[in-house]
Amino acid sequence: MFAKARESGGARLGVVVSRKVAPRAVDRNHLKRLAREAFRGARHALGATDLVLMARRCPQRSGWGAVRAELASVISELAQRAG
C-alpha cells in the first residue's frame, strides 16, 4: 500500500488487482470490495490522503476473513498516523 498526503480534499483510494495475481474476475472484484469496505470505515480519519493498494497475491477462498482484518488494520494504522 502506498500513501501520499494532499493539500486539500478528502481521502481517495485506488485498488490494483492484476489478472496475474487473481486470474478469476470474481476474486479480483472480491479483493476490491474488501479494500473499499475497509477504506470506508477510516475515510474520515485519513484527511486529505491518496491511498493505492496493489495486490501481490490472491488468498485462498477460505482466507477472506484474514484479508479483511489485515486491510482494516493497515488502513486504521495509516489513519492514526495521519491524525
PDB file of N, CA and C in Angstrom:
ATOM      1  N   MET A   1       0.850  -1.166   0.000  1.00  0.00           N
ATOM      2  CA  MET A   1       0.000   0.000   0.000  1.00  0.00           C
ATOM      3  C   MET A   1       0.893   1.226   0.000  1.00  0.00           C
ATOM      4  N   PHE A   2       0.535   2.180  -0.834  1.00  0.00           N
ATOM      5  CA  PHE A   2       1.239   3.449  -0.911  1.00  0.00           C
ATOM      6  C   PHE A   2       0.307   4.542  -0.415  1.00  0.00           C
ATOM      7  N   ALA A   3       0.869   5.523   0.259  1.00  0.00           N
ATOM      8  CA  ALA A   3       0.069   6.645   0.754  1.00  0.00           C
ATOM      9  C   ALA A   3       0.807   7.942   0.485  1.00  0.00           C
ATOM     10  N   LYS A   4       0.051   8.962   0.100  1.00  0.00           N
ATOM     11  CA  LYS A   4       0.631  10.271  -0.148  1.00  0.00           C
ATOM     12  C   LYS A   4      -0.363  11.331   0.305  1.00  0.00           C
ATOM     13  N   ALA A   5       0.125  12.279   1.085  1.00  0.00           N
ATOM     14  CA  ALA A   5      -0.728  13.356   1.574  1.00  0.00           C
ATOM     15  C   ALA A   5      -0.961  14.381   0.471  1.00  0.00           C
ATOM     16  N   ARG A   6      -2.159  14.977   0.491  1.00  0.00           N
ATOM     17  CA  ARG A   6      -2.504  16.042  -0.438  1.00  0.00           C
ATOM     18  C   ARG A   6      -2.785  17.297   0.357  1.00  0.00           C
ATOM     19  N   GLU A   7      -2.919  18.418  -0.334  1.00  0.00           N
ATOM     20  CA  GLU A   7      -3.161  19.686   0.348  1.00  0.00           C
ATOM     21  C   GLU A   7      -4.593  19.843   0.820  1.00  0.00           C
ATOM     22  N   SER A   8      -5.548  19.397   0.006  1.00  0.00           N
ATOM     23  CA  SER A   8      -6.941  19.587   0.400  1.00  0.00           C
ATOM     24  C   SER A   8      -7.792  18.450  -0.156  1.00  0.00           C
ATOM     25  N   GLY A   9      -9.041  18.411   0.298  1.00  0.00           N
ATOM     26  CA  GLY A   9      -9.964  17.377  -0.164  1.00  0.00           C
ATOM     27  C   GLY A   9     -10.018  16.215   0.803  1.00  0.00           C
ATOM     28  N   GLY A  10     -10.769  15.222   0.419  1.00  0.00           N
ATOM     29  CA  GLY A  10     -10.919  14.041   1.253  1.00  0.00           C
ATOM     30  C   GLY A  10      -9.970  12.928   0.830  1.00  0.00           C
ATOM     31  N   ALA A  11     -10.023  11.847   1.543  1.00  0.00           N
ATOM     32  CA  ALA A  11      -9.185  10.696   1.242  1.00  0.00           C
ATOM     33  C   ALA A  11      -9.711   9.980  -0.002  1.00  0.00           C
ATOM     34  N   ARG A  12      -8.784   9.438  -0.806  1.00  0.00           N
ATOM     35  CA  ARG A  12      -9.160   8.695  -2.001  1.00  0.00           C
ATOM     36  C   ARG A  12      -8.422   7.357  -1.993  1.00  0.00           C
ATOM     37  N   LEU A  13      -9.038   6.371  -2.624  1.00  0.00           N
ATOM     38  CA  LEU A  13      -8.469   5.027  -2.667  1.00  0.00           C
ATOM     39  C   LEU A  13      -8.401   4.544  -4.106  1.00  0.00           C
ATOM     40  N   GLY A  14      -7.277   3.948  -4.471  1.00  0.00           N
ATOM     41  CA  GLY A  14      -7.125   3.277  -5.754  1.00  0.00           C
ATOM     42  C   GLY A  14      -6.727   1.839  -5.482  1.00  0.00           C
ATOM     43  N   VAL A  15      -7.334   0.904  -6.183  1.00  0.00           N
ATOM     44  CA  VAL A  15      -7.053  -0.518  -5.962  1.00  0.00           C
ATOM     45  C   VAL A  15      -6.619  -1.139  -7.280  1.00  0.00           C
ATOM     46  N   VAL A  16      -5.486  -1.844  -7.253  1.00  0.00           N
ATOM     47  CA  VAL A  16      -4.954  -2.502  -8.436  1.00  0.00           C
ATOM     48  C   VAL A  16      -4.841  -3.995  -8.146  1.00  0.00           C
ATOM     49  N   VAL A  17      -5.581  -4.792  -8.918  1.00  0.00           N
ATOM     50  CA  VAL A  17      -5.508  -6.249  -8.797  1.00  0.00           C
ATOM     51  C   VAL A  17      -5.372  -6.784 -10.220  1.00  0.00           C
ATOM     52  N   SER A  18      -4.201  -7.272 -10.558  1.00  0.00           N
ATOM     53  CA  SER A  18      -3.970  -7.727 -11.923  1.00  0.00           C
ATOM     54  C   SER A  18      -4.522  -9.127 -12.151  1.00  0.00           C
ATOM     55  N   ARG A  19      -4.658  -9.473 -13.409  1.00  0.00           N
ATOM     56  CA  ARG A  19      -5.138 -10.804 -13.781  1.00  0.00           C
ATOM     57  C   ARG A  19      -4.101 -11.861 -13.417  1.00  0.00           C
ATOM     58  N   LYS A  20      -2.841 -11.478 -13.375  1.00  0.00           N
ATOM     59  CA  LYS A  20      -1.779 -12.408 -12.998  1.00  0.00           C
ATOM     60  C   LYS A  20      -1.894 -12.793 -11.518  1.00  0.00           C
ATOM     61  N   VAL A  21      -2.304 -11.851 -10.702  1.00  0.00           N
ATOM     62  CA  VAL A  21      -2.452 -12.078  -9.261  1.00  0.00           C
ATOM     63  C   VAL A  21      -3.693 -12.917  -8.971  1.00  0.00           C
ATOM     64  N   ALA A  22      -4.799 -12.550  -9.579  1.00  0.00           N
ATOM     65  CA  ALA A  22      -6.073 -13.245  -9.356  1.00  0.00           C
ATOM     66  C   ALA A  22      -6.703 -13.513 -10.727  1.00  0.00           C
ATOM     67  N   PRO A  23      -6.510 -14.690 -11.281  1.00  0.00           N
ATOM     68  CA  PRO A  23      -6.994 -14.978 -12.637  1.00  0.00           C
ATOM     69  C   PRO A  23      -8.508 -14.871 -12.803  1.00  0.00           C
ATOM     70  N   ARG A  24      -9.248 -15.164 -11.751  1.00  0.00           N
ATOM     71  CA  ARG A  24     -10.713 -15.115 -11.854  1.00  0.00           C
ATOM     72  C   ARG A  24     -11.218 -13.711 -11.528  1.00  0.00           C
ATOM     73  N   ALA A  25     -12.100 -13.193 -12.364  1.00  0.00           N
ATOM     74  CA  ALA A  25     -12.668 -11.860 -12.149  1.00  0.00           C
ATOM     75  C   ALA A  25     -13.408 -11.782 -10.815  1.00  0.00           C
ATOM     76  N   VAL A  26     -14.004 -12.876 -10.410  1.00  0.00           N
ATOM     77  CA  VAL A  26     -14.730 -12.917  -9.138  1.00  0.00           C
ATOM     78  C   VAL A  26     -13.788 -12.598  -7.986  1.00  0.00           C
ATOM     79  N   ASP A  27     -12.594 -13.180  -8.012  1.00  0.00           N
ATOM     80  CA  ASP A  27     -11.633 -12.937  -6.939  1.00  0.00           C
ATOM     81  C   ASP A  27     -11.079 -11.521  -6.992  1.00  0.00           C
ATOM     82  N   ARG A  28     -10.815 -10.999  -8.197  1.00  0.00           N
ATOM     83  CA  ARG A  28     -10.333  -9.617  -8.317  1.00  0.00           C
ATOM     84  C   ARG A  28     -11.367  -8.641  -7.760  1.00  0.00           C
ATOM     85  N   ASN A  29     -12.612  -8.838  -8.122  1.00  0.00           N
ATOM     86  CA  ASN A  29     -13.670  -7.956  -7.631  1.00  0.00           C
ATOM     87  C   ASN A  29     -13.878  -8.086  -6.133  1.00  0.00           C
ATOM     88  N   HIS A  30     -13.739  -9.296  -5.604  1.00  0.00           N
ATOM     89  CA  HIS A  30     -13.899  -9.503  -4.157  1.00  0.00           C
ATOM     90  C   HIS A  30     -12.802  -8.757  -3.396  1.00  0.00           C
ATOM     91  N   LEU A  31     -11.563  -8.830  -3.883  1.00  0.00           N
ATOM     92  CA  LEU A  31     -10.479  -8.093  -3.234  1.00  0.00           C
ATOM     93  C   LEU A  31     -10.744  -6.588  -3.257  1.00  0.00           C
ATOM     94  N   LYS A  32     -11.233  -6.095  -4.372  1.00  0.00           N
ATOM     95  CA  LYS A  32     -11.536  -4.665  -4.474  1.00  0.00           C
ATOM     96  C   LYS A  32     -12.650  -4.267  -3.515  1.00  0.00           C
ATOM     97  N   ARG A  33     -13.685  -5.099  -3.402  1.00  0.00           N
ATOM     98  CA  ARG A  33     -14.783  -4.801  -2.478  1.00  0.00           C
ATOM     99  C   ARG A  33     -14.300  -4.780  -1.039  1.00  0.00           C
ATOM    100  N   LEU A  34     -13.435  -5.742  -0.673  1.00  0.00           N
ATOM    101  CA  LEU A  34     -12.901  -5.774   0.693  1.00  0.00           C
ATOM    102  C   LEU A  34     -12.081  -4.518   0.982  1.00  0.00           C
ATOM    103  N   ALA A  35     -11.282  -4.080   0.022  1.00  0.00           N
ATOM    104  CA  ALA A  35     -10.461  -2.884   0.219  1.00  0.00           C
ATOM    105  C   ALA A  35     -11.337  -1.654   0.390  1.00  0.00           C
ATOM    106  N   ARG A  36     -12.370  -1.513  -0.445  1.00  0.00           N
ATOM    107  CA  ARG A  36     -13.258  -0.355  -0.333  1.00  0.00           C
ATOM    108  C   ARG A  36     -14.023  -0.364   0.986  1.00  0.00           C
ATOM    109  N   GLU A  37     -14.418  -1.543   1.436  1.00  0.00           N
ATOM    110  CA  GLU A  37     -15.134  -1.656   2.708  1.00  0.00           C
ATOM    111  C   GLU A  37     -14.247  -1.208   3.869  1.00  0.00           C
ATOM    112  N   ALA A  38     -12.996  -1.649   3.886  1.00  0.00           N
ATOM    113  CA  ALA A  38     -12.068  -1.262   4.954  1.00  0.00           C
ATOM    114  C   ALA A  38     -11.770   0.235   4.891  1.00  0.00           C
ATOM    115  N   PHE A  39     -11.686   0.773   3.679  1.00  0.00           N
ATOM    116  CA  PHE A  39     -11.393   2.191   3.495  1.00  0.00           C
ATOM    117  C   PHE A  39     -12.534   3.070   3.997  1.00  0.00           C
ATOM    118  N   ARG A  40     -13.769   2.659   3.733  1.00  0.00           N
ATOM    119  CA  ARG A  40     -14.919   3.458   4.162  1.00  0.00           C
ATOM    120  C   ARG A  40     -14.948   3.650   5.666  1.00  0.00           C
ATOM    121  N   GLY A  41     -14.501   2.655   6.414  1.00  0.00           N
ATOM    122  CA  GLY A  41     -14.527   2.747   7.874  1.00  0.00           C
ATOM    123  C   GLY A  41     -13.579   3.796   8.431  1.00  0.00           C
ATOM    124  N   ALA A  42     -12.484   4.079   7.736  1.00  0.00           N
ATOM    125  CA  ALA A  42     -11.475   5.016   8.254  1.00  0.00           C
ATOM    126  C   ALA A  42     -11.308   6.242   7.380  1.00  0.00           C
ATOM    127  N   ARG A  43     -12.173   6.432   6.413  1.00  0.00           N
ATOM    128  CA  ARG A  43     -12.020   7.526   5.452  1.00  0.00           C
ATOM    129  C   ARG A  43     -11.968   8.894   6.118  1.00  0.00           C
ATOM    130  N   HIS A  44     -12.846   9.120   7.097  1.00  0.00           N
ATOM    131  CA  HIS A  44     -12.906  10.430   7.745  1.00  0.00           C
ATOM    132  C   HIS A  44     -11.643  10.735   8.544  1.00  0.00           C
ATOM    133  N   ALA A  45     -10.963   9.713   9.060  1.00  0.00           N
ATOM    134  CA  ALA A  45      -9.767   9.917   9.880  1.00  0.00           C
ATOM    135  C   ALA A  45      -8.501  10.092   9.038  1.00  0.00           C
ATOM    136  N   LEU A  46      -8.564   9.782   7.753  1.00  0.00           N
ATOM    137  CA  LEU A  46      -7.376   9.868   6.906  1.00  0.00           C
ATOM    138  C   LEU A  46      -7.095  11.286   6.415  1.00  0.00           C
ATOM    139  N   GLY A  47      -8.074  12.150   6.431  1.00  0.00           N
ATOM    140  CA  GLY A  47      -7.866  13.509   5.944  1.00  0.00           C
ATOM    141  C   GLY A  47      -7.649  13.521   4.439  1.00  0.00           C
ATOM    142  N   ALA A  48      -6.784  14.406   3.971  1.00  0.00           N
ATOM    143  CA  ALA A  48      -6.507  14.537   2.536  1.00  0.00           C
ATOM    144  C   ALA A  48      -5.344  13.620   2.164  1.00  0.00           C
ATOM    145  N   THR A  49      -5.644  12.360   1.949  1.00  0.00           N
ATOM    146  CA  THR A  49      -4.628  11.356   1.648  1.00  0.00           C
ATOM    147  C   THR A  49      -5.069  10.519   0.466  1.00  0.00           C
ATOM    148  N   ASP A  50      -4.120  10.222  -0.415  1.00  0.00           N
ATOM    149  CA  ASP A  50      -4.369   9.289  -1.507  1.00  0.00           C
ATOM    150  C   ASP A  50      -3.741   7.952  -1.136  1.00  0.00           C
ATOM    151  N   LEU A  51      -4.507   6.887  -1.238  1.00  0.00           N
ATOM    152  CA  LEU A  51      -4.006   5.540  -0.971  1.00  0.00           C
ATOM    153  C   LEU A  51      -4.090   4.719  -2.247  1.00  0.00           C
ATOM    154  N   VAL A  52      -3.054   3.935  -2.509  1.00  0.00           N
ATOM    155  CA  VAL A  52      -3.065   3.000  -3.627  1.00  0.00           C
ATOM    156  C   VAL A  52      -2.716   1.630  -3.070  1.00  0.00           C
ATOM    157  N   LEU A  53      -3.612   0.695  -3.271  1.00  0.00           N
ATOM    158  CA  LEU A  53      -3.423  -0.678  -2.809  1.00  0.00           C
ATOM    159  C   LEU A  53      -3.124  -1.548  -4.019  1.00  0.00           C
ATOM    160  N   MET A  54      -1.962  -2.194  -4.001  1.00  0.00           N
ATOM    161  CA  MET A  54      -1.586  -3.107  -5.075  1.00  0.00           C
ATOM    162  C   MET A  54      -1.550  -4.518  -4.502  1.00  0.00           C
ATOM    163  N   ALA A  55      -2.425  -5.370  -5.000  1.00  0.00           N
ATOM    164  CA  ALA A  55      -2.472  -6.748  -4.513  1.00  0.00           C
ATOM    165  C   ALA A  55      -1.291  -7.520  -5.082  1.00  0.00           C
ATOM    166  N   ARG A  56      -0.626  -8.269  -4.251  1.00  0.00           N
ATOM    167  CA  ARG A  56       0.535  -9.040  -4.686  1.00  0.00           C
ATOM    168  C   ARG A  56       0.208 -10.503  -4.916  1.00  0.00           C
ATOM    169  N   ARG A  57      -0.802 -10.989  -4.202  1.00  0.00           N
ATOM    170  CA  ARG A  57      -1.242 -12.376  -4.406  1.00  0.00           C
ATOM    171  C   ARG A  57      -2.667 -12.514  -3.918  1.00  0.00           C
ATOM    172  N   CYS A  58      -3.335 -13.470  -4.467  1.00  0.00           N
ATOM    173  CA  CYS A  58      -4.731 -13.713  -4.119  1.00  0.00           C
ATOM    174  C   CYS A  58      -4.785 -14.789  -3.036  1.00  0.00           C
ATOM    175  N   PRO A  59      -5.489 -14.547  -1.942  1.00  0.00           N
ATOM    176  CA  PRO A  59      -5.573 -15.548  -0.875  1.00  0.00           C
ATOM    177  C   PRO A  59      -6.494 -16.705  -1.262  1.00  0.00           C
ATOM    178  N   GLN A  60      -6.402 -17.782  -0.507  1.00  0.00           N
ATOM    179  CA  GLN A  60      -7.330 -18.893  -0.669  1.00  0.00           C
ATOM    180  C   GLN A  60      -8.730 -18.398  -0.348  1.00  0.00           C
ATOM    181  N   ARG A  61      -9.710 -19.039  -0.896  1.00  0.00           N
ATOM    182  CA  ARG A  61     -11.095 -18.596  -0.647  1.00  0.00           C
ATOM    183  C   ARG A  61     -11.467 -18.666   0.825  1.00  0.00           C
ATOM    184  N   SER A  62     -10.830 -19.549   1.568  1.00  0.00           N
ATOM    185  CA  SER A  62     -11.130 -19.670   2.994  1.00  0.00           C
ATOM    186  C   SER A  62     -10.453 -18.567   3.813  1.00  0.00           C
ATOM    187  N   GLY A  63      -9.544 -17.795   3.215  1.00  0.00           N
ATOM    188  CA  GLY A  63      -8.796 -16.784   3.951  1.00  0.00           C
ATOM    189  C   GLY A  63      -9.292 -15.366   3.783  1.00  0.00           C
ATOM    190  N   TRP A  64     -10.508 -15.165   3.265  1.00  0.00           N
ATOM    191  CA  TRP A  64     -11.019 -13.815   3.051  1.00  0.00           C
ATOM    192  C   TRP A  64     -11.172 -13.051   4.362  1.00  0.00           C
ATOM    193  N   GLY A  65     -11.494 -13.737   5.448  1.00  0.00           N
ATOM    194  CA  GLY A  65     -11.634 -13.067   6.741  1.00  0.00           C
ATOM    195  C   GLY A  65     -10.314 -12.465   7.205  1.00  0.00           C
ATOM    196  N   ALA A  66      -9.226 -13.189   6.975  1.00  0.00           N
ATOM    197  CA  ALA A  66      -7.902 -12.681   7.349  1.00  0.00           C
ATOM    198  C   ALA A  66      -7.531 -11.467   6.507  1.00  0.00           C
ATOM    199  N   VAL A  67      -7.898 -11.486   5.239  1.00  0.00           N
ATOM    200  CA  VAL A  67      -7.628 -10.342   4.360  1.00  0.00           C
ATOM    201  C   VAL A  67      -8.394  -9.126   4.839  1.00  0.00           C
ATOM    202  N   ARG A  68      -9.650  -9.317   5.180  1.00  0.00           N
ATOM    203  CA  ARG A  68     -10.483  -8.209   5.674  1.00  0.00           C
ATOM    204  C   ARG A  68      -9.864  -7.603   6.934  1.00  0.00           C
ATOM    205  N   ALA A  69      -9.429  -8.441   7.853  1.00  0.00           N
ATOM    206  CA  ALA A  69      -8.841  -7.952   9.105  1.00  0.00           C
ATOM    207  C   ALA A  69      -7.519  -7.226   8.848  1.00  0.00           C
ATOM    208  N   GLU A  70      -6.695  -7.746   7.957  1.00  0.00           N
ATOM    209  CA  GLU A  70      -5.409  -7.113   7.667  1.00  0.00           C
ATOM    210  C   GLU A  70      -5.595  -5.754   6.994  1.00  0.00           C
ATOM    211  N   LEU A  71      -6.513  -5.677   6.052  1.00  0.00           N
ATOM    212  CA  LEU A  71      -6.786  -4.399   5.397  1.00  0.00           C
ATOM    213  C   LEU A  71      -7.290  -3.364   6.391  1.00  0.00           C
ATOM    214  N   ALA A  72      -8.205  -3.763   7.244  1.00  0.00           N
ATOM    215  CA  ALA A  72      -8.742  -2.843   8.244  1.00  0.00           C
ATOM    216  C   ALA A  72      -7.642  -2.361   9.181  1.00  0.00           C
ATOM    217  N   SER A  73      -6.743  -3.251   9.569  1.00  0.00           N
ATOM    218  CA  SER A  73      -5.676  -2.871  10.487  1.00  0.00           C
ATOM    219  C   SER A  73      -4.681  -1.917   9.826  1.00  0.00           C
ATOM    220  N   VAL A  74      -4.321  -2.161   8.568  1.00  0.00           N
ATOM    221  CA  VAL A  74      -3.374  -1.290   7.876  1.00  0.00           C
ATOM    222  C   VAL A  74      -3.973   0.095   7.656  1.00  0.00           C
ATOM    223  N   ILE A  75      -5.220   0.153   7.241  1.00  0.00           N
ATOM    224  CA  ILE A  75      -5.853   1.448   6.989  1.00  0.00           C
ATOM    225  C   ILE A  75      -6.064   2.213   8.290  1.00  0.00           C
ATOM    226  N   SER A  76      -6.426   1.529   9.368  1.00  0.00           N
ATOM    227  CA  SER A  76      -6.599   2.235  10.639  1.00  0.00           C
ATOM    228  C   SER A  76      -5.251   2.730  11.181  1.00  0.00           C
ATOM    229  N   GLU A  77      -4.187   1.987  10.923  1.00  0.00           N
ATOM    230  CA  GLU A  77      -2.855   2.439  11.329  1.00  0.00           C
ATOM    231  C   GLU A  77      -2.459   3.708  10.560  1.00  0.00           C
ATOM    232  N   LEU A  78      -2.748   3.729   9.271  1.00  0.00           N
ATOM    233  CA  LEU A  78      -2.487   4.938   8.482  1.00  0.00           C
ATOM    234  C   LEU A  78      -3.323   6.104   8.981  1.00  0.00           C
ATOM    235  N   ALA A  79      -4.554   5.844   9.374  1.00  0.00           N
ATOM    236  CA  ALA A  79      -5.416   6.903   9.899  1.00  0.00           C
ATOM    237  C   ALA A  79      -4.845   7.483  11.192  1.00  0.00           C
ATOM    238  N   GLN A  80      -4.296   6.624  12.045  1.00  0.00           N
ATOM    239  CA  GLN A  80      -3.705   7.113  13.291  1.00  0.00           C
ATOM    240  C   GLN A  80      -2.497   7.973  13.020  1.00  0.00           C
ATOM    241  N   ARG A  81      -1.692   7.588  12.034  1.00  0.00           N
ATOM    242  CA  ARG A  81      -0.516   8.386  11.679  1.00  0.00           C
ATOM    243  C   ARG A  81      -0.903   9.734  11.087  1.00  0.00           C
ATOM    244  N   ALA A  82      -1.991   9.733  10.315  1.00  0.00           N
ATOM    245  CA  ALA A  82      -2.444  10.975   9.666  1.00  0.00           C
ATOM    246  C   ALA A  82      -3.045  11.948  10.679  1.00  0.00           C
ATOM    247  N   GLY A  83      -3.680  11.401  11.707  1.00  0.00           N
ATOM    248  CA  GLY A  83      -4.417  12.243  12.648  1.00  0.00           C
ATOM    249  C   GLY A  83      -3.688  12.582  13.861  1.00  0.00           C
TER     250      GLY A  83
END
